[in-house]
Protein backbone atom coordinates (compact mmCIF):
# COMPACT_ATOMS: atom_id res chain seq x y z
CA UNK A 1 74.01 18.54 -74.10
CA UNK A 2 72.28 20.29 -71.38
CA UNK A 3 69.34 23.11 -71.51
CA UNK A 4 67.97 25.21 -68.84
CA UNK A 5 64.64 25.60 -68.74
CA UNK A 6 63.42 28.53 -66.34
CA UNK A 7 65.13 26.98 -62.94
CA UNK A 8 65.05 23.49 -64.23
CA UNK A 9 68.42 21.68 -65.92
CA UNK A 10 67.13 19.14 -68.55
CA UNK A 11 69.69 16.97 -69.93
CA UNK A 12 69.46 15.66 -73.29
CA UNK A 13 72.25 12.74 -73.59
CA UNK A 14 73.62 11.56 -76.68
CA UNK A 15 73.97 7.62 -76.92
CA UNK A 16 77.51 7.85 -76.06
CA UNK A 17 76.61 9.12 -72.96
CA UNK A 18 73.64 6.48 -72.55
CA UNK A 19 76.36 3.83 -73.15
CA UNK A 20 78.31 5.48 -70.49
CA UNK A 21 75.69 5.47 -67.99
CA UNK A 22 75.89 2.11 -66.61
CA UNK A 23 76.59 -0.44 -64.25
CA UNK A 24 79.12 -2.10 -65.80
CA UNK A 25 82.68 -2.41 -66.58
CA UNK A 26 83.81 -2.66 -70.44
CA UNK A 27 87.27 -4.04 -70.85
CA UNK A 28 88.00 -1.40 -73.71
CA UNK A 29 87.51 1.25 -71.86
CA UNK A 30 90.55 0.81 -69.48
CA UNK A 31 89.34 0.39 -65.48
CA UNK A 32 86.85 2.78 -66.00
CA UNK A 33 83.90 2.16 -63.13
CA UNK A 34 80.59 4.29 -63.28
CA UNK A 35 77.49 4.49 -60.93
CA UNK A 36 74.04 4.70 -61.55
CA UNK A 37 71.95 5.57 -58.02
CA UNK A 38 68.34 5.61 -59.68
CA UNK A 39 67.22 2.28 -59.77
CA UNK A 40 65.01 2.55 -62.87
CA UNK A 41 68.10 3.84 -65.04
CA UNK A 42 70.21 1.20 -63.25
CA UNK A 43 68.10 -1.21 -64.33
CA UNK A 44 67.74 -0.27 -67.93
CA UNK A 45 71.26 -0.01 -67.96
CA UNK A 46 71.62 -3.70 -66.52
CA UNK A 47 69.18 -5.16 -68.82
CA UNK A 48 70.87 -3.75 -71.78
CA UNK A 49 74.43 -4.79 -70.36
CA UNK A 50 73.40 -8.43 -70.01
CA UNK A 51 71.93 -9.18 -73.17
CA UNK A 52 74.86 -7.39 -75.14
CA UNK A 53 76.93 -9.91 -77.13
CA UNK A 54 80.02 -7.78 -76.98
CA UNK A 55 80.42 -7.25 -72.94
CA UNK A 56 81.41 -9.94 -70.99
CA UNK A 57 81.81 -8.66 -67.49
CA UNK A 58 79.08 -6.43 -65.52
CA UNK A 59 80.45 -5.26 -62.33
CA UNK A 60 77.54 -3.96 -60.25
CA UNK A 61 78.56 -1.26 -57.97
CA UNK A 62 75.12 -0.07 -56.28
CA UNK A 63 71.45 -2.16 -55.46
CA UNK A 64 68.98 -2.67 -58.32
CA UNK A 65 65.44 -2.77 -57.57
CA UNK A 66 63.27 -4.09 -60.88
CA UNK A 67 60.34 -2.52 -62.00
CA UNK A 68 60.33 -5.47 -64.56
CA UNK A 69 61.76 -8.48 -65.03
CA UNK A 70 65.16 -8.79 -66.51
CA UNK A 71 65.77 -9.57 -69.97
CA UNK A 72 66.79 -13.67 -70.56
CA UNK A 73 70.40 -14.05 -70.43
CA UNK A 74 71.65 -16.21 -74.13
CA UNK A 75 75.20 -14.76 -74.22
CA UNK A 76 78.40 -15.70 -72.04
CA UNK A 77 78.16 -12.95 -68.82
CA UNK A 78 79.95 -12.80 -65.54
CA UNK A 79 77.95 -10.42 -63.13
CA UNK A 80 80.62 -9.52 -60.38
CA UNK A 81 79.56 -7.65 -56.87
CA UNK A 82 81.81 -5.38 -55.47
CA UNK A 83 81.74 -6.24 -51.84
CA UNK A 84 85.64 -6.97 -50.87
CA UNK A 85 86.85 -6.85 -47.32
CA UNK A 86 85.61 -7.98 -43.64
CA UNK A 87 82.02 -7.28 -43.06
CA UNK A 88 81.35 -5.74 -46.71
CA UNK A 89 77.38 -6.46 -47.71
CA UNK A 90 77.12 -7.93 -51.65
CA UNK A 91 75.49 -5.82 -53.83
CA UNK A 92 72.16 -7.24 -54.60
CA UNK A 93 69.33 -7.25 -57.21
CA UNK A 94 65.88 -7.41 -56.30
CA UNK A 95 62.83 -7.92 -57.74
CA UNK A 96 60.74 -6.64 -55.08
CA UNK A 97 58.33 -9.60 -54.51
CA UNK A 98 56.71 -8.56 -57.85
CA UNK A 99 58.70 -10.23 -60.69
CA UNK A 100 61.63 -12.98 -61.39
CA UNK A 101 65.18 -11.42 -61.08
CA UNK A 102 67.02 -13.66 -63.53
CA UNK A 103 66.65 -16.25 -66.72
CA UNK A 104 69.23 -17.87 -68.04
CA UNK A 105 68.23 -20.13 -71.50
CA UNK A 106 70.02 -21.56 -74.21
CA UNK A 107 73.78 -22.75 -74.95
CA UNK A 108 75.48 -19.78 -73.06
CA UNK A 109 77.15 -19.31 -69.39
CA UNK A 110 76.28 -16.82 -66.58
CA UNK A 111 78.58 -16.58 -63.80
CA UNK A 112 77.09 -14.81 -60.34
CA UNK A 113 79.84 -14.11 -58.15
CA UNK A 114 79.47 -11.92 -54.66
CA UNK A 115 76.42 -10.78 -55.46
CA UNK A 116 72.76 -10.89 -54.01
CA UNK A 117 69.34 -12.22 -56.08
CA UNK A 118 66.71 -11.36 -53.63
CA UNK A 119 62.94 -11.03 -52.76
CA UNK A 120 62.12 -12.41 -56.51
CA UNK A 121 58.81 -13.83 -57.75
CA UNK A 122 57.87 -15.99 -60.42
CA UNK A 123 53.98 -15.97 -61.21
CA UNK A 124 51.36 -17.75 -63.16
CA UNK A 125 52.67 -21.47 -62.20
CA UNK A 126 56.15 -20.68 -63.16
CA UNK A 127 59.03 -21.68 -61.09
CA UNK A 128 62.34 -19.91 -60.87
CA UNK A 129 61.86 -16.89 -58.06
CA UNK A 130 65.04 -15.32 -58.15
CA UNK A 131 66.87 -17.68 -61.14
CA UNK A 132 65.38 -19.40 -64.04
CA UNK A 133 67.99 -21.46 -66.05
CA UNK A 134 66.68 -23.57 -68.90
CA UNK A 135 67.53 -25.18 -72.34
CA UNK A 136 71.32 -26.61 -72.12
CA UNK A 137 72.31 -23.28 -70.20
CA UNK A 138 75.09 -23.16 -67.33
CA UNK A 139 75.21 -21.21 -64.22
CA UNK A 140 77.97 -20.68 -62.01
CA UNK A 141 76.90 -19.32 -58.40
CA UNK A 142 80.04 -18.01 -56.49
CA UNK A 143 80.30 -16.45 -53.27
CA UNK A 144 76.70 -15.55 -53.20
CA UNK A 145 73.30 -15.10 -51.67
CA UNK A 146 69.71 -16.29 -53.25
CA UNK A 147 66.82 -14.96 -50.47
CA UNK A 148 63.43 -14.31 -49.89
CA UNK A 149 62.52 -15.21 -53.16
CA UNK A 150 59.05 -17.71 -53.80
CA UNK A 151 57.40 -19.44 -56.96
CA UNK A 152 53.73 -20.40 -57.77
CA UNK A 153 55.40 -23.42 -58.69
CA UNK A 154 58.28 -25.19 -58.50
CA UNK A 155 61.93 -24.00 -57.58
CA UNK A 156 61.41 -20.86 -54.96
CA UNK A 157 64.82 -19.79 -55.28
CA UNK A 158 66.39 -21.40 -58.41
CA UNK A 159 64.57 -23.62 -61.08
CA UNK A 160 66.96 -25.77 -63.53
CA UNK A 161 65.85 -27.70 -66.24
CA UNK A 162 67.93 -30.02 -68.80
CA UNK A 163 70.95 -27.49 -67.72
CA UNK A 164 74.01 -27.39 -65.76
CA UNK A 165 74.20 -25.44 -62.47
CA UNK A 166 76.98 -25.09 -59.88
CA UNK A 167 76.47 -23.41 -56.55
CA UNK A 168 79.51 -22.71 -54.48
CA UNK A 169 80.42 -21.26 -51.41
CA UNK A 170 77.34 -19.73 -51.47
CA UNK A 171 73.99 -19.90 -49.13
CA UNK A 172 70.13 -20.35 -50.29
CA UNK A 173 67.60 -19.07 -47.79
CA UNK A 174 64.08 -18.38 -47.02
CA UNK A 175 62.57 -19.32 -50.15
CA UNK A 176 59.18 -20.86 -51.15
CA UNK A 177 57.43 -22.82 -54.06
CA UNK A 178 53.85 -23.36 -53.70
CA UNK A 179 54.90 -27.16 -55.01
CA UNK A 180 58.15 -28.44 -55.25
CA UNK A 181 61.83 -27.49 -54.54
CA UNK A 182 61.58 -24.55 -52.00
CA UNK A 183 65.43 -23.39 -52.30
CA UNK A 184 65.99 -25.81 -55.51
CA UNK A 185 64.57 -27.46 -58.10
CA UNK A 186 66.29 -29.56 -60.69
CA UNK A 187 64.73 -31.53 -63.94
CA UNK A 188 66.88 -33.15 -65.81
CA UNK A 189 70.07 -31.40 -65.16
CA UNK A 190 73.58 -31.90 -63.59
CA UNK A 191 73.85 -29.60 -60.09
CA UNK A 192 76.84 -29.48 -58.24
CA UNK A 193 76.88 -27.88 -54.41
CA UNK A 194 79.92 -27.66 -52.87
CA UNK A 195 80.33 -25.79 -49.24
CA UNK A 196 77.19 -24.30 -49.57
CA UNK A 197 73.63 -23.82 -47.47
CA UNK A 198 70.05 -24.53 -48.13
CA UNK A 199 68.31 -23.19 -45.33
CA UNK A 200 65.01 -21.67 -44.03
CA UNK A 201 63.07 -22.28 -46.72
CA UNK A 202 59.53 -24.27 -47.85
CA UNK A 203 57.88 -26.32 -50.80
CA UNK A 204 54.21 -26.84 -50.02
CA UNK A 205 54.29 -30.21 -51.11
CA UNK A 206 58.01 -31.90 -51.85
CA UNK A 207 61.35 -31.15 -51.54
CA UNK A 208 61.66 -28.27 -48.55
CA UNK A 209 65.26 -27.19 -49.45
CA UNK A 210 66.56 -29.29 -52.48
CA UNK A 211 64.15 -31.18 -54.92
CA UNK A 212 66.06 -33.44 -57.59
CA UNK A 213 63.81 -35.39 -60.38
CA UNK A 214 63.94 -36.69 -63.73
CA UNK A 215 67.26 -38.05 -64.29
CA UNK A 216 69.19 -34.93 -62.28
CA UNK A 217 72.44 -36.09 -61.39
CA UNK A 218 73.21 -33.89 -57.76
CA UNK A 219 76.44 -33.94 -55.81
CA UNK A 220 76.47 -32.11 -52.60
CA UNK A 221 79.70 -32.06 -50.60
CA UNK A 222 80.56 -30.00 -47.52
CA UNK A 223 77.21 -28.57 -47.89
CA UNK A 224 74.56 -27.89 -45.10
CA UNK A 225 70.41 -28.55 -45.87
CA UNK A 226 69.02 -27.27 -42.48
CA UNK A 227 65.57 -26.13 -41.24
CA UNK A 228 63.81 -26.69 -44.49
CA UNK A 229 60.03 -27.69 -44.69
CA UNK A 230 57.85 -29.91 -47.03
CA UNK A 231 54.14 -30.73 -47.17
CA UNK A 232 54.51 -33.61 -47.98
CA UNK A 233 58.09 -35.65 -49.09
CA UNK A 234 61.93 -34.74 -49.01
CA UNK A 235 61.90 -31.81 -46.01
CA UNK A 236 65.53 -30.93 -46.48
CA UNK A 237 66.06 -33.08 -50.06
CA UNK A 238 64.09 -35.14 -51.93
CA UNK A 239 64.89 -37.54 -55.12
CA UNK A 240 61.94 -37.88 -57.83
CA UNK A 241 61.19 -39.33 -60.66
CA UNK A 242 63.64 -41.26 -62.49
CA UNK A 243 62.74 -41.49 -66.06
CA UNK A 244 63.24 -43.68 -69.42
CA UNK A 245 64.85 -41.87 -72.43
CA UNK A 246 64.47 -43.08 -75.65
CA UNK A 247 67.21 -43.34 -78.08
CA UNK A 248 66.09 -41.31 -81.14
CA UNK A 249 67.90 -43.43 -83.31
CA UNK A 250 67.23 -46.96 -82.06
CA UNK A 251 64.19 -45.89 -80.34
CA UNK A 252 65.67 -48.49 -77.76
CA UNK A 253 64.99 -47.19 -74.36
CA UNK A 254 67.37 -46.57 -71.26
CA UNK A 255 66.50 -45.51 -67.84
CA UNK A 256 67.46 -42.33 -66.64
CA UNK A 257 67.65 -42.45 -62.82
CA UNK A 258 68.15 -39.45 -60.59
CA UNK A 259 71.06 -39.97 -58.47
CA UNK A 260 72.12 -37.60 -55.50
CA UNK A 261 75.65 -38.03 -53.48
CA UNK A 262 75.61 -36.30 -50.53
CA UNK A 263 79.64 -36.00 -48.51
CA UNK A 264 81.01 -34.74 -45.72
CA UNK A 265 77.61 -32.91 -45.12
CA UNK A 266 74.84 -31.96 -42.41
CA UNK A 267 71.21 -32.18 -43.02
CA UNK A 268 70.13 -30.89 -39.85
CA UNK A 269 66.15 -30.43 -38.48
CA UNK A 270 64.16 -30.33 -41.81
CA UNK A 271 60.61 -31.34 -41.27
CA UNK A 272 57.79 -33.23 -43.44
CA UNK A 273 55.35 -35.80 -43.28
CA UNK A 274 57.75 -38.46 -45.18
CA UNK A 275 61.78 -38.38 -45.16
CA UNK A 276 61.95 -35.39 -43.18
CA UNK A 277 65.65 -35.33 -43.36
CA UNK A 278 65.67 -36.94 -47.35
CA UNK A 279 62.96 -38.65 -49.11
CA UNK A 280 64.32 -41.29 -51.77
CA UNK A 281 61.72 -41.54 -54.48
CA UNK A 282 60.81 -44.87 -56.83
CA UNK A 283 63.89 -45.68 -58.87
CA UNK A 284 66.29 -43.31 -57.34
CA UNK A 285 69.63 -43.46 -56.19
CA UNK A 286 71.35 -41.97 -52.73
CA UNK A 287 74.80 -42.14 -52.05
CA UNK A 288 75.71 -40.65 -48.48
CA UNK A 289 79.29 -40.52 -47.56
CA UNK A 290 81.05 -39.12 -43.65
CA UNK A 291 77.38 -37.12 -43.56
CA UNK A 292 75.37 -36.22 -40.37
CA UNK A 293 71.22 -36.73 -40.75
CA UNK A 294 70.47 -34.99 -37.28
CA UNK A 295 66.86 -33.81 -35.47
CA UNK A 296 64.64 -33.79 -38.35
CA UNK A 297 61.14 -34.88 -37.51
CA UNK A 298 58.43 -36.42 -39.71
CA UNK A 299 54.70 -36.74 -39.31
CA UNK A 300 54.81 -39.83 -41.12
CA UNK A 301 57.82 -42.36 -41.91
CA UNK A 302 61.43 -41.96 -41.84
CA UNK A 303 62.62 -39.17 -39.63
CA UNK A 304 65.95 -39.18 -40.88
CA UNK A 305 65.43 -41.01 -44.68
CA UNK A 306 62.68 -42.34 -46.32
CA UNK A 307 63.26 -45.07 -49.14
CA UNK A 308 60.85 -46.01 -51.61
CA UNK A 309 60.00 -48.76 -54.23
CA UNK A 310 62.99 -49.87 -56.36
CA UNK A 311 65.58 -46.62 -54.98
CA UNK A 312 69.24 -47.52 -54.08
CA UNK A 313 70.66 -46.56 -51.00
CA UNK A 314 74.36 -46.76 -49.81
CA UNK A 315 74.79 -44.99 -46.32
CA UNK A 316 78.18 -45.22 -45.40
CA UNK A 317 80.49 -43.71 -42.09
CA UNK A 318 77.76 -41.65 -40.97
CA UNK A 319 75.69 -40.37 -38.53
CA UNK A 320 71.93 -40.42 -37.97
CA UNK A 321 71.20 -38.64 -34.43
CA UNK A 322 67.66 -37.46 -32.82
CA UNK A 323 65.67 -37.55 -36.01
CA UNK A 324 61.44 -38.73 -35.39
CA UNK A 325 58.85 -40.32 -36.56
CA UNK A 326 55.88 -42.51 -36.45
CA UNK A 327 57.58 -45.48 -38.24
CA UNK A 328 61.21 -45.33 -38.49
CA UNK A 329 63.19 -42.63 -36.46
CA UNK A 330 66.44 -43.12 -38.72
CA UNK A 331 65.36 -44.78 -41.58
CA UNK A 332 61.61 -45.83 -43.37
CA UNK A 333 62.15 -48.44 -46.84
CA UNK A 334 58.40 -48.34 -47.55
CA UNK A 335 58.68 -51.10 -50.44
CA UNK A 336 60.94 -53.56 -50.75
CA UNK A 337 60.38 -54.45 -54.99
CA UNK A 338 63.48 -54.25 -56.60
CA UNK A 339 65.30 -51.86 -54.18
CA UNK A 340 68.86 -51.91 -52.82
CA UNK A 341 70.48 -51.01 -49.54
CA UNK A 342 73.73 -50.94 -48.10
CA UNK A 343 74.30 -49.57 -44.87
CA UNK A 344 77.88 -49.50 -43.56
CA UNK A 345 79.74 -48.34 -40.10
CA UNK A 346 76.53 -46.26 -39.31
CA UNK A 347 76.36 -44.68 -35.82
CA UNK A 348 72.69 -44.77 -34.94
CA UNK A 349 71.45 -42.61 -31.25
CA UNK A 350 69.19 -40.69 -29.65
CA UNK A 351 66.50 -41.70 -32.73
CA UNK A 352 62.50 -42.27 -31.87
CA UNK A 353 59.80 -43.57 -33.04
CA UNK A 354 56.33 -45.33 -32.32
CA UNK A 355 57.68 -48.07 -34.25
CA UNK A 356 60.91 -48.72 -34.93
CA UNK A 357 63.27 -46.24 -33.83
CA UNK A 358 66.17 -47.04 -35.62
CA UNK A 359 64.52 -48.80 -38.94
CA UNK A 360 60.90 -49.81 -40.45
CA UNK A 361 60.27 -51.46 -43.47
CA UNK A 362 57.31 -52.96 -44.91
CA UNK A 363 57.04 -56.19 -46.82
CA UNK A 364 55.15 -56.95 -50.03
CA UNK A 365 54.76 -60.96 -49.39
CA UNK A 366 55.79 -63.38 -47.12
CA UNK A 367 58.99 -64.32 -47.26
CA UNK A 368 60.28 -61.02 -48.84
CA UNK A 369 62.86 -60.94 -46.78
CA UNK A 370 64.23 -59.58 -43.52
CA UNK A 371 64.97 -55.82 -44.43
CA UNK A 372 68.46 -53.97 -44.84
CA UNK A 373 71.50 -55.25 -43.45
CA UNK A 374 73.58 -52.75 -41.38
CA UNK A 375 77.24 -54.00 -41.48
CA UNK A 376 79.83 -52.64 -38.39
CA UNK A 377 76.94 -50.15 -37.16
CA UNK A 378 76.97 -48.92 -33.53
CA UNK A 379 73.80 -48.00 -32.04
CA UNK A 380 74.87 -45.81 -28.75
CA UNK A 381 71.27 -45.94 -27.21
CA UNK A 382 70.01 -49.66 -27.46
CA UNK A 383 68.56 -51.26 -24.72
CA UNK A 384 71.31 -53.25 -24.16
CA UNK A 385 73.78 -50.42 -23.98
CA UNK A 386 76.28 -49.42 -26.60
CA UNK A 387 76.12 -52.57 -29.18
CA UNK A 388 77.99 -53.82 -32.81
CA UNK A 389 75.10 -54.35 -34.85
CA UNK A 390 75.66 -57.44 -36.50
CA UNK A 391 75.72 -57.80 -40.21
CA UNK A 392 72.38 -59.29 -40.76
CA UNK A 393 69.13 -58.03 -40.10
CA UNK A 394 67.70 -60.79 -38.18
CA UNK A 395 70.67 -60.56 -35.54
CA UNK A 396 70.28 -56.88 -35.90
CA UNK A 397 66.55 -57.69 -34.75
CA UNK A 398 67.96 -60.34 -31.97
CA UNK A 399 69.63 -57.44 -30.17
CA UNK A 400 66.66 -55.62 -29.63
CA UNK A 401 67.60 -52.67 -31.60
CA UNK A 402 64.75 -50.40 -32.91
CA UNK A 403 62.75 -51.78 -35.72
CA UNK A 404 59.82 -53.43 -36.73
CA UNK A 405 58.23 -54.35 -39.80
CA UNK A 406 54.90 -54.56 -41.54
CA UNK A 407 51.90 -52.47 -42.07
CA UNK A 408 50.15 -50.54 -39.20
CA UNK A 409 48.80 -53.33 -37.36
CA UNK A 410 52.41 -54.04 -36.56
CA UNK A 411 53.08 -50.75 -34.51
CA UNK A 412 51.13 -51.30 -31.69
CA UNK A 413 53.10 -53.43 -29.79
CA UNK A 414 57.28 -53.92 -28.81
CA UNK A 415 59.91 -52.74 -31.16
CA UNK A 416 60.83 -56.12 -32.60
CA UNK A 417 57.59 -57.51 -35.02
CA UNK A 418 57.93 -61.37 -35.92
CA UNK A 419 61.69 -61.37 -35.90
CA UNK A 420 62.92 -63.67 -33.33
């Protein structure tokens, strides 16, 4: 009911009226859609909706600016925008650069569709500025945007831990983590990225665009990782920290490698100290197919890719072009302790480095081998014109393509060192 006091109207709303003043669509109310314009009221309504055990879908009709972090999602829910037609803009939920936007935890599924999470902030050494996913949760990000968010530790845009994440037809842009994973940080999770973009994000340490670690299984298909920056390793994308898992019954340890698969994608104009395009850390596995790694710049090793000890790399039918580094413009193999490289049908062109324009690798001991093989590869800008690269590194070196091996002392002379 409404009571009138002098010239002002004061409304005392019943429980039913408050329930109806919400942002969400309740199936039992047929197709009734209600609108709240005051963001603080909208915030309270949204918080109630996403934690209700009886509501399965929320239809967001207004922009929401949070005064405080929303409660953690623990039940299945679809959070959907109302953007339809050419030129429309997704409704957004903003953390106002003060609070995290959303958290999801436990055995539940959150679907974000046609919505924007922006300006989130995770403080006190935590992660997931816009979205924090943990404890076996499943999140699907569809036709959405995550932007302008930051974390004091990891996952400026998204932090996912021991959970499942799908990102399809979406954009993660302009996010920052003080340590790891400017756009996305993943630990021990399954992550599928399709037809999506990670761009303009930064990490103070590793993984400017994407950071995958501790046994994460990451798949990128028809994706773009563009214009990201890392303070140290993996400007665009980094795979780190494979781990040992112990069987709870037998106690027998098994190794769980971080595995990254990149197909039909573009890794472009990223920067970092090591592995400006992609960094493959110790014990991790990388598969690259039908992908272009272009225009990335490493101040140290591996403009296109850098590969650490015991890492496994398979690169097929891909292009590495116009990447720059001190050592290894296209590739830098930093250790040869137990790792494996399968390089097939690559096109190497316009890469540059002080040592090893296309390849650089180190040797741990005398007679450790001749480095990676590159089968049916083409170097369009070799010293002698366009050449088909032979199947062994020794013959590859003899064609005087841009490569060298060894420590710093090996980088003071010509491109081919001690291999002829």
